[in-house]
Amino acid sequence: MLLRALGEAAHKRGSRFIEFGVRSLAVATGTHETTVARQLRELSRTEHPMIRLAAEGRELRADLYELVIPDEYRTRAETRAWRPGKIHALRPVFRELGVVAAFVYEAIERADGELISADIARTSGLSPKAVTHALELMAAWNMISRVDGRWHIVKETSLRTLAEYFGVLEAIGRQMQRYRSERALWLQWLLKRALSSEPVLAGPADDYPYWQYGPPDEEQTIGGLLYAEAS
């Protein structure tokens, strides 16, 4: 799911280089920021990595990652046409219904025609048992419907409305509010260090828990903070 979030970010930016903080990616994937940080390290250190750490984050900048195509997949990637449509990481409703349901829903959504259960298992790469469970779950919430053995999306059912009903949107709001508070603490700490002419980067003996906080919005700069403080 993290690779999908990186792909979505790259698509929106129009670049294979992604500089999104772990908290932004945590919101996109419905996970904790520490989980995202660990997964980024693991993905960049695999035998055939699909991401590469291009530059380490510093001060207000997040780590810069590059999406790469391993050599063993390059020929296949170059011969396959890009299918039109949006790239989704994890849409809010699937925080409640699960990743398997997200993959099954997308398989039906992106299909050229209506699919039977076996088709969904084959195109999604999921087990028939997992697919059956996800289909039954989503059918119970009227997200999908089966006619003559073939599944289709119920377009009248709003994924956003379901997410709101499940309390997911409220949970995301709390998550983002916590991140805003942490960014504010991070900015205050950087500003204090800058005004006192001390090194900006924290060391092991510093009392500030720098590992808990990520960078602020990309538009913010230390110069801007200093100007605001002086005025």
Foldseek 3Di string as FASTA:
>chain_A
DLVLLLVLQCVVVVFQKDFDQLLVSCLQQVHDSVVSVVVVVVQQPDPFHQKHFPAPDDQQTHTIIGGHDGPVCVVVVVPDDDDDDHRGNDPQLCSVVHDLLVLLLVLQVPDPDFAALVSSCVVSVHDSVSSVVSVVVCVVVVQWDDDPRTIHGPVVDDSVVSSVVVVRVVVSVVSVVVLVVLQVVSLVLQLVCVVVVHDNDDDPPDPDPVVVHHHDDPVDDSVVVVVVVVD
